[in-house]
Amino acid sequence: MQHALPEACPPVDQLLTIYQKVEALLKTARLSSDLEFTHLPSQIALAAFHSVDSDLTMSWLATKTALLPPTSPTDHAARLDTDQVLKVLEEIKISLEASKNAVNLDAVRLVDKRLKFCKNPEKDPTSALFVSISVLLYIH
C-alpha cells in the first residue's frame, strides 16, 4: 500500500492540470538545457513539480520523509536530508525557469550535437564503424 500523499490530496482534475504544466515545462527544458547530463530523471521531475506547485511537492516530500523508518544516529547515509534535496531542486529549478523562454535554436543544436556523441556508432547506419562491421559480417 502506498502512502505518498497526505489525506488532503488535491482533486484528480487539479493533479491533471499540474501534470500537464509539468509535462510542458519538461518538453521545453529538454530542448534548451543539458539537465539530462547533470541530474537524475527523478530529480528533474521532482524539480519540475516543485516549480509548478511547490506546496504539493513539499507536502509529498514531508510525507515521504515521515514514512522513512527511524535510523540510528550514526547511519547518515540512510537519512533523507530535506535541505540537501531542496538545494538540488533549486539548482534544477533555475535551469527549468531559464528554459521557459523561447527555445533558442542554437542551444537545441548544441544539445543535439552532444547527444550525437553519446550514440553507439556500431548501431548508427551512417557511421564508418557500422559500415565496416556490416562488410565484415557480409564477407564471413
N, C-alpha and C. Protein backbone atom coordinates (compact mmCIF):
# COMPACT_ATOMS: atom_id res chain seq x y z
N MET A 1 0.85 -1.17 0.00
CA MET A 1 0.00 0.00 0.00
C MET A 1 0.89 1.24 0.00
N GLN A 2 0.59 2.18 -0.88
CA GLN A 2 1.38 3.40 -0.94
C GLN A 2 0.72 4.51 -0.13
N HIS A 3 1.55 5.28 0.55
CA HIS A 3 1.10 6.44 1.32
C HIS A 3 1.98 7.62 0.95
N ALA A 4 1.95 8.00 -0.32
CA ALA A 4 2.86 9.05 -0.77
C ALA A 4 2.30 10.44 -0.54
N LEU A 5 1.00 10.59 -0.47
CA LEU A 5 0.40 11.90 -0.26
C LEU A 5 -0.47 11.89 0.98
N PRO A 6 -0.56 13.00 1.66
CA PRO A 6 -1.41 13.05 2.85
C PRO A 6 -2.89 12.96 2.49
N GLU A 7 -3.69 12.90 3.50
CA GLU A 7 -5.14 12.79 3.33
C GLU A 7 -5.71 13.93 2.49
N ALA A 8 -5.14 15.12 2.61
CA ALA A 8 -5.67 16.30 1.91
C ALA A 8 -5.08 16.40 0.50
N CYS A 9 -5.19 15.34 -0.25
CA CYS A 9 -4.67 15.30 -1.62
C CYS A 9 -5.59 16.12 -2.53
N PRO A 10 -5.02 16.89 -3.46
CA PRO A 10 -5.86 17.69 -4.36
C PRO A 10 -6.72 16.79 -5.24
N PRO A 11 -7.80 17.33 -5.77
CA PRO A 11 -8.65 16.54 -6.65
C PRO A 11 -7.90 16.11 -7.92
N VAL A 12 -8.39 15.07 -8.55
CA VAL A 12 -7.73 14.49 -9.72
C VAL A 12 -7.61 15.51 -10.86
N ASP A 13 -8.64 16.31 -11.08
CA ASP A 13 -8.57 17.28 -12.18
C ASP A 13 -7.49 18.34 -11.93
N GLN A 14 -7.27 18.70 -10.67
CA GLN A 14 -6.20 19.64 -10.34
C GLN A 14 -4.83 18.98 -10.54
N LEU A 15 -4.72 17.71 -10.16
CA LEU A 15 -3.48 16.97 -10.37
C LEU A 15 -3.18 16.84 -11.87
N LEU A 16 -4.22 16.63 -12.66
CA LEU A 16 -4.04 16.52 -14.11
C LEU A 16 -3.54 17.84 -14.69
N THR A 17 -4.08 18.94 -14.23
CA THR A 17 -3.63 20.27 -14.67
C THR A 17 -2.16 20.49 -14.30
N ILE A 18 -1.81 20.13 -13.08
CA ILE A 18 -0.42 20.26 -12.63
C ILE A 18 0.49 19.40 -13.50
N TYR A 19 0.06 18.17 -13.75
CA TYR A 19 0.86 17.25 -14.56
C TYR A 19 1.07 17.80 -15.97
N GLN A 20 0.02 18.36 -16.57
CA GLN A 20 0.15 18.91 -17.92
C GLN A 20 1.14 20.08 -17.96
N LYS A 21 1.13 20.91 -16.92
CA LYS A 21 2.08 22.01 -16.84
C LYS A 21 3.51 21.49 -16.69
N VAL A 22 3.67 20.46 -15.86
CA VAL A 22 4.99 19.86 -15.66
C VAL A 22 5.49 19.25 -16.97
N GLU A 23 4.61 18.56 -17.65
CA GLU A 23 4.98 17.93 -18.91
C GLU A 23 5.43 18.97 -19.94
N ALA A 24 4.70 20.07 -20.04
CA ALA A 24 5.07 21.14 -20.98
C ALA A 24 6.42 21.76 -20.59
N LEU A 25 6.63 21.96 -19.31
CA LEU A 25 7.90 22.52 -18.83
C LEU A 25 9.06 21.59 -19.16
N LEU A 26 8.87 20.30 -18.97
CA LEU A 26 9.94 19.34 -19.24
C LEU A 26 10.23 19.21 -20.74
N LYS A 27 9.20 19.31 -21.56
CA LYS A 27 9.42 19.26 -23.01
C LYS A 27 10.28 20.44 -23.46
N THR A 28 9.98 21.61 -22.94
CA THR A 28 10.75 22.80 -23.29
C THR A 28 12.18 22.69 -22.77
N ALA A 29 12.31 22.21 -21.54
CA ALA A 29 13.64 22.10 -20.92
C ALA A 29 14.51 21.10 -21.65
N ARG A 30 13.91 20.07 -22.18
CA ARG A 30 14.68 19.06 -22.91
C ARG A 30 15.32 19.62 -24.15
N LEU A 31 14.66 20.59 -24.75
CA LEU A 31 15.20 21.18 -25.99
C LEU A 31 16.27 22.22 -25.73
N SER A 32 16.24 22.85 -24.58
CA SER A 32 17.13 24.00 -24.39
C SER A 32 18.07 23.91 -23.19
N SER A 33 18.19 22.73 -22.58
CA SER A 33 19.12 22.62 -21.46
C SER A 33 19.80 21.26 -21.51
N ASP A 34 20.84 21.14 -20.71
CA ASP A 34 21.54 19.87 -20.63
C ASP A 34 21.35 19.21 -19.26
N LEU A 35 20.17 19.41 -18.68
CA LEU A 35 19.88 18.84 -17.37
C LEU A 35 20.00 17.32 -17.36
N GLU A 36 19.69 16.70 -18.48
CA GLU A 36 19.74 15.24 -18.54
C GLU A 36 21.17 14.71 -18.36
N PHE A 37 22.15 15.56 -18.61
CA PHE A 37 23.55 15.15 -18.45
C PHE A 37 24.04 15.37 -17.03
N THR A 38 23.37 16.22 -16.28
CA THR A 38 23.88 16.62 -14.98
C THR A 38 23.06 16.14 -13.79
N HIS A 39 21.81 15.74 -14.02
CA HIS A 39 20.94 15.33 -12.91
C HIS A 39 20.16 14.08 -13.26
N LEU A 40 19.69 13.39 -12.24
CA LEU A 40 18.89 12.19 -12.42
C LEU A 40 17.49 12.56 -12.90
N PRO A 41 16.85 11.68 -13.70
CA PRO A 41 15.49 11.96 -14.16
C PRO A 41 14.50 12.21 -13.02
N SER A 42 14.64 11.46 -11.92
CA SER A 42 13.72 11.65 -10.79
C SER A 42 13.91 13.03 -10.15
N GLN A 43 15.15 13.52 -10.11
CA GLN A 43 15.41 14.85 -9.57
C GLN A 43 14.81 15.92 -10.48
N ILE A 44 14.96 15.74 -11.77
CA ILE A 44 14.41 16.72 -12.74
C ILE A 44 12.89 16.74 -12.64
N ALA A 45 12.28 15.57 -12.55
CA ALA A 45 10.82 15.50 -12.45
C ALA A 45 10.32 16.16 -11.17
N LEU A 46 10.98 15.86 -10.05
CA LEU A 46 10.56 16.46 -8.77
C LEU A 46 10.74 17.97 -8.80
N ALA A 47 11.82 18.45 -9.40
CA ALA A 47 12.05 19.89 -9.50
C ALA A 47 10.99 20.54 -10.39
N ALA A 48 10.57 19.86 -11.44
CA ALA A 48 9.52 20.40 -12.30
C ALA A 48 8.20 20.50 -11.54
N PHE A 49 7.87 19.47 -10.77
CA PHE A 49 6.66 19.54 -9.95
C PHE A 49 6.78 20.65 -8.91
N HIS A 50 7.96 20.80 -8.33
CA HIS A 50 8.19 21.85 -7.34
C HIS A 50 8.04 23.22 -7.97
N SER A 51 8.47 23.36 -9.22
CA SER A 51 8.36 24.62 -9.93
C SER A 51 6.91 24.98 -10.23
N VAL A 52 6.11 23.97 -10.54
CA VAL A 52 4.70 24.20 -10.88
C VAL A 52 3.83 24.35 -9.64
N ASP A 53 4.03 23.48 -8.65
CA ASP A 53 3.22 23.53 -7.42
C ASP A 53 4.09 23.16 -6.22
N SER A 54 4.71 24.16 -5.63
CA SER A 54 5.66 23.89 -4.54
C SER A 54 4.96 23.36 -3.29
N ASP A 55 3.73 23.78 -3.03
CA ASP A 55 3.03 23.30 -1.83
C ASP A 55 2.78 21.79 -1.90
N LEU A 56 2.33 21.33 -3.05
CA LEU A 56 2.08 19.91 -3.23
C LEU A 56 3.38 19.12 -3.11
N THR A 57 4.44 19.62 -3.71
CA THR A 57 5.73 18.94 -3.67
C THR A 57 6.27 18.86 -2.25
N MET A 58 6.18 19.98 -1.51
CA MET A 58 6.67 19.98 -0.13
C MET A 58 5.82 19.05 0.74
N SER A 59 4.53 18.98 0.50
CA SER A 59 3.66 18.08 1.23
C SER A 59 4.06 16.63 0.95
N TRP A 60 4.32 16.32 -0.32
CA TRP A 60 4.73 14.97 -0.70
C TRP A 60 6.07 14.62 -0.05
N LEU A 61 7.01 15.56 -0.09
CA LEU A 61 8.34 15.33 0.47
C LEU A 61 8.26 15.12 1.99
N ALA A 62 7.44 15.91 2.66
CA ALA A 62 7.27 15.75 4.11
C ALA A 62 6.65 14.39 4.44
N THR A 63 5.70 13.96 3.64
CA THR A 63 5.07 12.66 3.85
C THR A 63 6.08 11.53 3.64
N LYS A 64 6.86 11.62 2.57
CA LYS A 64 7.87 10.60 2.31
C LYS A 64 8.91 10.55 3.43
N THR A 65 9.31 11.71 3.92
CA THR A 65 10.29 11.77 5.00
C THR A 65 9.71 11.14 6.27
N ALA A 66 8.45 11.41 6.54
CA ALA A 66 7.81 10.87 7.75
C ALA A 66 7.66 9.36 7.67
N LEU A 67 7.54 8.81 6.47
CA LEU A 67 7.34 7.37 6.32
C LEU A 67 8.64 6.58 6.37
N LEU A 68 9.77 7.26 6.32
CA LEU A 68 11.05 6.55 6.39
C LEU A 68 11.22 5.93 7.76
N PRO A 69 11.77 4.73 7.80
CA PRO A 69 11.98 4.11 9.11
C PRO A 69 13.03 4.88 9.90
N PRO A 70 12.91 4.90 11.21
CA PRO A 70 13.92 5.61 12.02
C PRO A 70 15.28 4.95 11.86
N THR A 71 16.30 5.79 11.78
CA THR A 71 17.66 5.28 11.63
C THR A 71 18.47 5.59 12.87
N SER A 72 19.55 4.89 13.01
CA SER A 72 20.42 5.15 14.15
C SER A 72 21.14 6.48 13.92
N PRO A 73 21.57 7.14 14.98
CA PRO A 73 22.26 8.44 14.84
C PRO A 73 23.55 8.35 14.03
N THR A 74 24.14 7.17 13.94
CA THR A 74 25.40 7.03 13.20
C THR A 74 25.17 6.70 11.72
N ASP A 75 23.94 6.38 11.36
CA ASP A 75 23.64 5.98 9.98
C ASP A 75 23.23 7.19 9.16
N HIS A 76 24.19 8.00 8.74
CA HIS A 76 23.90 9.23 8.00
C HIS A 76 23.50 8.95 6.56
N ALA A 77 23.97 7.85 5.99
CA ALA A 77 23.70 7.55 4.58
C ALA A 77 22.22 7.23 4.34
N ALA A 78 21.56 6.62 5.33
CA ALA A 78 20.17 6.22 5.15
C ALA A 78 19.19 7.35 5.42
N ARG A 79 19.65 8.43 6.00
CA ARG A 79 18.77 9.53 6.37
C ARG A 79 18.51 10.44 5.18
N LEU A 80 17.28 10.86 4.99
CA LEU A 80 16.93 11.78 3.92
C LEU A 80 17.11 13.20 4.42
N ASP A 81 18.03 13.91 3.84
CA ASP A 81 18.30 15.29 4.22
C ASP A 81 17.45 16.20 3.34
N THR A 82 16.36 16.69 3.89
CA THR A 82 15.43 17.52 3.13
C THR A 82 16.11 18.79 2.62
N ASP A 83 16.98 19.38 3.41
CA ASP A 83 17.68 20.59 2.96
C ASP A 83 18.53 20.31 1.74
N GLN A 84 19.18 19.16 1.74
CA GLN A 84 20.01 18.78 0.59
C GLN A 84 19.14 18.56 -0.65
N VAL A 85 17.99 17.91 -0.48
CA VAL A 85 17.08 17.69 -1.58
C VAL A 85 16.60 19.02 -2.14
N LEU A 86 16.22 19.94 -1.26
CA LEU A 86 15.74 21.25 -1.71
C LEU A 86 16.84 22.04 -2.41
N LYS A 87 18.07 21.89 -1.98
CA LYS A 87 19.18 22.57 -2.64
C LYS A 87 19.33 22.09 -4.08
N VAL A 88 19.26 20.78 -4.27
CA VAL A 88 19.35 20.21 -5.62
C VAL A 88 18.15 20.65 -6.46
N LEU A 89 16.96 20.64 -5.85
CA LEU A 89 15.75 21.06 -6.57
C LEU A 89 15.86 22.51 -7.02
N GLU A 90 16.41 23.36 -6.19
CA GLU A 90 16.55 24.78 -6.55
C GLU A 90 17.53 24.96 -7.71
N GLU A 91 18.62 24.18 -7.71
CA GLU A 91 19.57 24.24 -8.82
C GLU A 91 18.89 23.87 -10.14
N ILE A 92 18.12 22.80 -10.10
CA ILE A 92 17.43 22.34 -11.29
C ILE A 92 16.34 23.33 -11.69
N LYS A 93 15.64 23.87 -10.68
CA LYS A 93 14.57 24.82 -10.94
C LYS A 93 15.07 26.05 -11.69
N ILE A 94 16.28 26.50 -11.37
CA ILE A 94 16.86 27.65 -12.06
C ILE A 94 17.01 27.34 -13.55
N SER A 95 17.49 26.15 -13.86
CA SER A 95 17.63 25.76 -15.27
C SER A 95 16.27 25.62 -15.94
N LEU A 96 15.31 25.07 -15.21
CA LEU A 96 13.97 24.91 -15.78
C LEU A 96 13.33 26.26 -16.06
N GLU A 97 13.47 27.19 -15.12
CA GLU A 97 12.90 28.52 -15.30
C GLU A 97 13.56 29.24 -16.48
N ALA A 98 14.86 29.06 -16.63
CA ALA A 98 15.57 29.68 -17.75
C ALA A 98 15.11 29.11 -19.08
N SER A 99 14.71 27.85 -19.08
CA SER A 99 14.29 27.22 -20.33
C SER A 99 12.85 27.56 -20.69
N LYS A 100 12.12 28.23 -19.81
CA LYS A 100 10.74 28.61 -20.12
C LYS A 100 10.67 29.63 -21.26
N ASN A 101 11.73 30.40 -21.42
CA ASN A 101 11.77 31.39 -22.50
C ASN A 101 11.73 30.66 -23.84
N ALA A 102 11.62 31.43 -24.90
CA ALA A 102 11.57 30.84 -26.23
C ALA A 102 12.78 29.95 -26.45
N VAL A 103 12.55 28.84 -27.13
CA VAL A 103 13.61 27.89 -27.38
C VAL A 103 14.62 28.50 -28.34
N ASN A 104 15.87 28.51 -27.92
CA ASN A 104 16.95 29.03 -28.73
C ASN A 104 17.44 27.92 -29.64
N LEU A 105 17.35 28.12 -30.94
CA LEU A 105 17.72 27.09 -31.90
C LEU A 105 19.18 26.70 -31.78
N ASP A 106 20.04 27.65 -31.48
CA ASP A 106 21.46 27.33 -31.32
C ASP A 106 21.69 26.41 -30.12
N ALA A 107 20.94 26.65 -29.05
CA ALA A 107 21.06 25.79 -27.87
C ALA A 107 20.57 24.38 -28.17
N VAL A 108 19.51 24.28 -28.95
CA VAL A 108 19.00 22.98 -29.35
C VAL A 108 20.04 22.23 -30.18
N ARG A 109 20.68 22.94 -31.09
CA ARG A 109 21.71 22.32 -31.93
C ARG A 109 22.89 21.85 -31.07
N LEU A 110 23.25 22.64 -30.06
CA LEU A 110 24.36 22.27 -29.19
C LEU A 110 24.04 20.99 -28.41
N VAL A 111 22.83 20.90 -27.86
CA VAL A 111 22.42 19.71 -27.13
C VAL A 111 22.36 18.52 -28.08
N ASP A 112 21.84 18.73 -29.29
CA ASP A 112 21.77 17.67 -30.28
C ASP A 112 23.16 17.16 -30.63
N LYS A 113 24.09 18.07 -30.75
CA LYS A 113 25.48 17.70 -31.06
C LYS A 113 26.07 16.86 -29.92
N ARG A 114 25.78 17.24 -28.68
CA ARG A 114 26.26 16.47 -27.54
C ARG A 114 25.65 15.08 -27.53
N LEU A 115 24.37 15.00 -27.85
CA LEU A 115 23.70 13.70 -27.88
C LEU A 115 24.27 12.80 -28.96
N LYS A 116 24.68 13.40 -30.06
CA LYS A 116 25.24 12.61 -31.16
C LYS A 116 26.50 11.89 -30.70
N PHE A 117 27.29 12.52 -29.84
CA PHE A 117 28.49 11.89 -29.31
C PHE A 117 28.16 10.74 -28.36
N CYS A 118 26.94 10.72 -27.83
CA CYS A 118 26.54 9.66 -26.91
C CYS A 118 26.05 8.40 -27.63
N LYS A 119 25.83 8.51 -28.93
CA LYS A 119 25.32 7.37 -29.69
C LYS A 119 26.37 6.27 -29.79
N ASN A 120 25.88 5.06 -29.94
CA ASN A 120 26.75 3.92 -30.17
C ASN A 120 27.01 3.84 -31.68
N PRO A 121 28.23 4.08 -32.15
CA PRO A 121 28.50 4.09 -33.59
C PRO A 121 28.29 2.73 -34.25
N GLU A 122 28.31 1.66 -33.48
CA GLU A 122 28.07 0.34 -34.05
C GLU A 122 26.64 0.18 -34.54
N LYS A 123 25.72 0.97 -34.00
CA LYS A 123 24.32 0.86 -34.36
C LYS A 123 23.82 2.00 -35.25
N ASP A 124 24.71 2.91 -35.62
CA ASP A 124 24.36 4.05 -36.46
C ASP A 124 24.71 3.74 -37.91
N PRO A 125 23.70 3.56 -38.77
CA PRO A 125 23.96 3.18 -40.17
C PRO A 125 24.79 4.20 -40.95
N THR A 126 24.89 5.43 -40.46
CA THR A 126 25.67 6.44 -41.17
C THR A 126 27.13 6.47 -40.74
N SER A 127 27.50 5.65 -39.74
CA SER A 127 28.88 5.69 -39.25
C SER A 127 29.77 4.72 -40.02
N ALA A 128 31.05 5.06 -40.07
CA ALA A 128 32.02 4.21 -40.75
C ALA A 128 32.17 2.87 -40.04
N LEU A 129 32.07 2.87 -38.72
CA LEU A 129 32.20 1.63 -37.95
C LEU A 129 31.07 0.66 -38.29
N PHE A 130 29.85 1.17 -38.40
CA PHE A 130 28.71 0.33 -38.76
C PHE A 130 28.92 -0.30 -40.14
N VAL A 131 29.38 0.52 -41.09
CA VAL A 131 29.61 0.04 -42.45
C VAL A 131 30.70 -1.03 -42.45
N SER A 132 31.79 -0.78 -41.73
CA SER A 132 32.89 -1.75 -41.72
C SER A 132 32.48 -3.07 -41.06
N ILE A 133 31.69 -3.00 -39.99
CA ILE A 133 31.21 -4.22 -39.34
C ILE A 133 30.26 -4.97 -40.26
N SER A 134 29.41 -4.24 -40.96
CA SER A 134 28.48 -4.86 -41.89
C SER A 134 29.22 -5.58 -43.00
N VAL A 135 30.28 -4.94 -43.51
CA VAL A 135 31.07 -5.53 -44.57
C VAL A 135 31.75 -6.80 -44.06
N LEU A 136 32.32 -6.74 -42.85
CA LEU A 136 32.98 -7.91 -42.28
C LEU A 136 32.00 -9.07 -42.07
N LEU A 137 30.81 -8.74 -41.60
CA LEU A 137 29.80 -9.78 -41.39
C LEU A 137 29.33 -10.36 -42.71
N TYR A 138 29.27 -9.55 -43.72
CA TYR A 138 28.82 -9.99 -45.04
C TYR A 138 29.85 -10.91 -45.68
N ILE A 139 31.14 -10.62 -45.47
CA ILE A 139 32.22 -11.42 -46.05
C ILE A 139 32.23 -12.82 -45.42
N HIS A 140 31.98 -12.87 -44.11
CA HIS A 140 32.02 -14.18 -43.44
C HIS A 140 30.72 -14.84 -43.63
